[in-house]
N, C-alpha and C. Protein backbone atom coordinates (compact mmCIF):
# COMPACT_ATOMS: atom_id res chain seq x y z
N MET A 1 -18.38 -9.76 -6.66
CA MET A 1 -17.12 -9.99 -7.77
C MET A 1 -16.00 -9.39 -6.32
N SER A 2 -15.22 -9.90 -5.47
CA SER A 2 -14.71 -9.46 -4.38
C SER A 2 -13.25 -8.35 -4.94
N ASP A 3 -12.80 -7.51 -4.37
CA ASP A 3 -11.76 -6.89 -4.88
C ASP A 3 -10.49 -7.74 -4.60
N PRO A 4 -9.15 -7.71 -5.16
CA PRO A 4 -8.13 -8.32 -5.30
C PRO A 4 -7.25 -7.79 -3.82
N ASP A 5 -7.47 -6.04 -3.90
CA ASP A 5 -6.41 -5.68 -3.09
C ASP A 5 -7.11 -5.70 -1.87
N ALA A 6 -8.56 -5.92 -1.73
CA ALA A 6 -8.92 -5.88 0.03
C ALA A 6 -8.69 -6.30 0.83
N PRO A 7 -7.62 -6.39 1.72
CA PRO A 7 -7.37 -7.33 2.83
C PRO A 7 -8.52 -7.98 3.42
N GLU A 8 -7.67 -9.41 3.88
CA GLU A 8 -8.04 -10.79 4.01
C GLU A 8 -8.80 -10.30 5.63
N GLU A 9 -9.87 -11.62 5.77
CA GLU A 9 -9.90 -10.85 6.84
C GLU A 9 -9.52 -11.40 8.07
N ASN A 10 -8.75 -12.18 7.83
CA ASN A 10 -7.81 -12.40 9.40
C ASN A 10 -6.72 -11.93 9.06
N ALA A 11 -6.62 -10.42 8.24
CA ALA A 11 -5.47 -9.59 7.94
C ALA A 11 -5.04 -9.04 9.33
N VAL A 12 -3.91 -8.14 9.65
CA VAL A 12 -3.99 -7.83 10.96
C VAL A 12 -3.45 -5.94 10.25
N GLU A 13 -3.91 -5.57 10.16
CA GLU A 13 -3.24 -3.62 10.60
C GLU A 13 -1.98 -3.49 11.22
N VAL A 14 -0.82 -2.92 10.07
CA VAL A 14 0.25 -2.85 10.43
C VAL A 14 0.67 -1.42 10.55
N PRO A 15 0.70 -0.83 11.81
CA PRO A 15 0.86 0.51 11.46
C PRO A 15 2.53 0.83 10.95
N PHE A 16 2.13 1.75 10.21
CA PHE A 16 3.40 2.33 8.95
C PHE A 16 4.61 2.76 9.62
N SER A 17 4.16 3.29 10.91
CA SER A 17 5.23 4.03 12.04
C SER A 17 6.05 2.51 12.38
N ASP A 18 5.62 1.37 12.86
CA ASP A 18 6.31 0.13 13.41
C ASP A 18 7.11 -0.24 12.37
N LEU A 19 7.21 -0.20 11.36
CA LEU A 19 8.65 -1.00 10.21
C LEU A 19 9.43 0.77 9.67
N ALA A 20 10.11 -0.40 9.62
CA ALA A 20 12.02 0.42 9.91
C ALA A 20 11.84 1.25 8.22
N PRO A 21 12.04 2.27 8.42
CA PRO A 21 12.34 3.58 7.15
C PRO A 21 13.06 2.47 6.18
N GLU A 22 13.75 1.66 5.83
CA GLU A 22 14.03 1.44 4.62
C GLU A 22 12.97 0.28 4.18
N THR A 23 12.15 -1.02 5.41
CA THR A 23 11.48 -1.53 5.25
C THR A 23 9.87 -1.02 4.46
N LEU A 24 9.58 -0.30 5.12
CA LEU A 24 8.35 0.64 4.29
C LEU A 24 8.46 1.41 3.13
N ARG A 25 9.68 1.80 3.03
CA ARG A 25 10.52 2.67 1.68
C ARG A 25 10.26 1.16 0.45
N ASN A 26 10.43 0.15 0.32
CA ASN A 26 10.88 -1.15 0.17
C ASN A 26 9.50 -1.65 -0.40
N LEU A 27 8.44 -1.56 1.05
CA LEU A 27 7.53 -1.93 -0.02
C LEU A 27 6.53 -0.66 -0.37
N ALA A 28 7.16 0.26 -0.18
CA ALA A 28 6.19 1.38 -1.30
C ALA A 28 7.01 1.43 -3.12
N GLU A 29 8.10 1.36 -2.82
CA GLU A 29 8.21 0.90 -3.89
C GLU A 29 7.19 -0.35 -4.25
N GLU A 30 7.42 -1.55 -3.84
CA GLU A 30 6.81 -2.68 -4.66
C GLU A 30 5.27 -2.42 -4.70
N PHE A 31 5.03 -1.64 -3.93
CA PHE A 31 3.67 -1.41 -4.30
C PHE A 31 3.29 -0.13 -5.51
N VAL A 32 3.90 0.48 -5.10
CA VAL A 32 3.81 2.39 -6.67
C VAL A 32 3.94 1.27 -7.50
N THR A 33 4.93 0.18 -7.84
CA THR A 33 5.75 -0.06 -9.52
C THR A 33 4.86 -1.61 -9.95
N ARG A 34 3.93 -1.94 -9.27
CA ARG A 34 2.84 -3.23 -9.12
C ARG A 34 2.37 -2.59 -10.80
N ASP A 35 2.34 -4.40 -11.98
CA ASP A 35 1.35 -4.02 -12.96
C ASP A 35 0.33 -3.23 -12.71
N GLY A 36 -0.44 -2.35 -13.73
CA GLY A 36 -1.76 -2.00 -13.31
C GLY A 36 -1.98 -1.08 -12.29
N THR A 37 -1.11 -0.12 -11.52
CA THR A 37 -1.24 0.84 -10.76
C THR A 37 -1.10 1.70 -12.10
N ASP A 38 -2.16 2.43 -11.82
CA ASP A 38 -2.64 3.69 -12.65
C ASP A 38 -2.40 5.39 -11.94
N TYR A 39 -1.56 6.47 -12.46
CA TYR A 39 -1.76 7.43 -11.90
C TYR A 39 -2.23 8.54 -12.18
N GLY A 40 -3.02 8.32 -13.65
CA GLY A 40 -3.91 9.78 -14.31
C GLY A 40 -2.56 10.02 -15.30
N ALA A 41 -3.28 10.79 -16.33
CA ALA A 41 -2.76 11.41 -17.43
C ALA A 41 -1.24 11.64 -17.50
N VAL A 42 -0.93 12.35 -16.35
CA VAL A 42 0.59 12.64 -16.28
C VAL A 42 1.23 11.15 -15.34
N GLU A 43 2.73 11.15 -16.09
CA GLU A 43 3.69 10.21 -15.59
C GLU A 43 4.13 10.91 -14.30
N LYS A 44 4.71 10.20 -13.25
CA LYS A 44 5.50 10.87 -11.95
C LYS A 44 6.11 9.45 -11.91
N THR A 45 7.09 10.26 -11.17
CA THR A 45 8.97 9.53 -10.72
C THR A 45 8.75 8.70 -9.50
N LEU A 46 8.80 7.56 -9.27
CA LEU A 46 9.11 6.85 -8.01
C LEU A 46 9.29 7.48 -7.04
N ASP A 47 10.19 8.52 -6.72
CA ASP A 47 9.49 9.07 -5.59
C ASP A 47 8.36 10.02 -5.38
N GLN A 48 7.76 10.09 -6.68
CA GLN A 48 6.59 10.83 -6.60
C GLN A 48 5.92 10.06 -6.34
N LYS A 49 5.75 8.98 -6.81
CA LYS A 49 4.40 7.91 -6.53
C LYS A 49 5.25 7.30 -5.32
N VAL A 50 6.20 7.29 -4.65
CA VAL A 50 5.91 7.01 -2.82
C VAL A 50 6.10 7.88 -1.97
N ALA A 51 6.15 9.24 -2.65
CA ALA A 51 5.85 10.35 -1.32
C ALA A 51 3.81 10.45 -1.01
N GLY A 52 3.40 10.20 -2.26
CA GLY A 52 2.28 10.78 -2.22
C GLY A 52 1.67 9.06 -1.19
N LEU A 53 2.11 8.18 -2.18
CA LEU A 53 1.63 7.14 -0.80
C LEU A 53 2.04 7.07 0.68
N MET A 54 3.23 7.86 1.10
CA MET A 54 3.74 8.13 2.14
C MET A 54 2.59 9.00 2.77
N ARG A 55 2.39 9.94 2.12
CA ARG A 55 0.81 10.58 2.31
C ARG A 55 0.03 9.89 2.94
N GLU A 56 -0.46 9.29 1.85
CA GLU A 56 -1.75 8.33 2.62
C GLU A 56 -1.81 7.35 3.32
N LEU A 57 -0.29 7.14 3.87
CA LEU A 57 -0.61 6.21 4.90
C LEU A 57 -0.46 7.03 6.12
N GLU A 58 0.21 8.40 6.40
CA GLU A 58 0.51 9.19 6.79
C GLU A 58 -1.07 9.82 7.90
N THR A 59 -1.55 10.22 6.70
CA THR A 59 -2.77 10.55 7.14
C THR A 59 -4.74 9.50 7.14
N GLY A 60 -4.00 8.20 6.89
CA GLY A 60 -4.62 7.00 7.42
C GLY A 60 -5.62 6.81 6.04
N GLU A 61 -5.01 7.52 4.86
CA GLU A 61 -6.23 6.92 3.67
C GLU A 61 -6.35 5.66 3.24
N ALA A 62 -4.55 5.21 3.29
CA ALA A 62 -4.12 3.91 2.71
C ALA A 62 -3.63 2.98 4.42
N LYS A 63 -3.66 2.06 4.06
CA LYS A 63 -3.19 1.14 5.32
C LYS A 63 -2.83 0.14 4.64
N ILE A 64 -1.63 -0.64 6.06
CA ILE A 64 -0.74 -1.80 5.54
C ILE A 64 -1.51 -2.60 6.85
N TYR A 65 -1.76 -3.80 5.55
CA TYR A 65 -1.90 -5.36 6.16
C TYR A 65 -1.39 -6.73 6.04
N PHE A 66 -0.84 -7.36 6.73
CA PHE A 66 -0.11 -8.45 6.96
C PHE A 66 -0.94 -9.56 7.35
N GLU A 67 -1.12 -10.79 6.27
CA GLU A 67 -1.87 -12.06 6.93
C GLU A 67 -0.81 -12.66 7.02
N ALA A 68 -0.61 -13.56 7.67
CA ALA A 68 -0.40 -14.77 8.55
C ALA A 68 0.08 -15.68 7.49
N GLU A 69 -1.18 -16.50 7.17
CA GLU A 69 -1.80 -17.44 6.69
C GLU A 69 -0.90 -17.83 5.69
N SER A 70 -0.68 -16.50 4.87
CA SER A 70 0.00 -16.97 3.69
C SER A 70 1.57 -16.09 3.47
N GLY A 71 1.52 -15.06 4.50
CA GLY A 71 3.18 -14.23 5.24
C GLY A 71 2.89 -13.81 4.09
N THR A 72 1.70 -12.55 3.61
CA THR A 72 1.84 -11.26 2.48
C THR A 72 1.47 -10.13 3.24
N VAL A 73 2.12 -9.42 2.97
CA VAL A 73 1.73 -8.03 2.99
C VAL A 73 1.49 -6.85 2.45
N ASN A 74 -0.02 -5.69 1.89
CA ASN A 74 -0.44 -5.95 1.24
C ASN A 74 -0.31 -4.19 2.09
N ILE A 75 -0.62 -3.04 0.53
CA ILE A 75 -1.00 -1.93 1.25
C ILE A 75 -2.95 -1.41 0.79
N VAL A 76 -3.84 -1.03 1.00
CA VAL A 76 -4.80 -1.00 0.97
C VAL A 76 -4.80 0.77 1.29
N ALA A 77 -5.17 1.09 -0.36
CA ALA A 77 -6.00 2.32 0.22
C ALA A 77 -7.44 2.55 -0.54
N PRO A 78 -8.38 3.01 1.12
CA PRO A 78 -9.83 2.78 1.06
C PRO A 78 -10.42 3.18 0.03
N ARG A 79 -9.92 4.76 -1.10
CA ARG A 79 -10.80 4.24 -2.28
C ARG A 79 -10.74 3.78 -2.96
N ARG A 80 -9.70 2.24 -3.12
CA ARG A 80 -9.54 1.47 -3.90
C ARG A 80 -10.65 0.03 -3.04
N MET A 81 -11.05 0.63 -2.35
CA MET A 81 -12.04 -0.98 -2.01
C MET A 81 -13.10 -0.32 -1.59
N ARG A 82 -13.40 0.75 -2.31
CA ARG A 82 -14.81 1.16 -2.35
C ARG A 82 -15.54 0.58 -3.83
């Protein structure tokens, strides 16, 4: 069974630092508020979730991918791809 969060084969990695701060924030907010996103037993605020994701992007634990054919952007955390 394939992972729906895994990047498409023809997806291109986009360095988070190439995005405007507002665009990056909007993308991060959209990602952390998706249905099915689980943050454990303790609920976190939106700002806490975004800050955690930003740390993962900065350390390379999470990556942003753009898929040209569909025009979609997704964030993928390697631990989610296992």
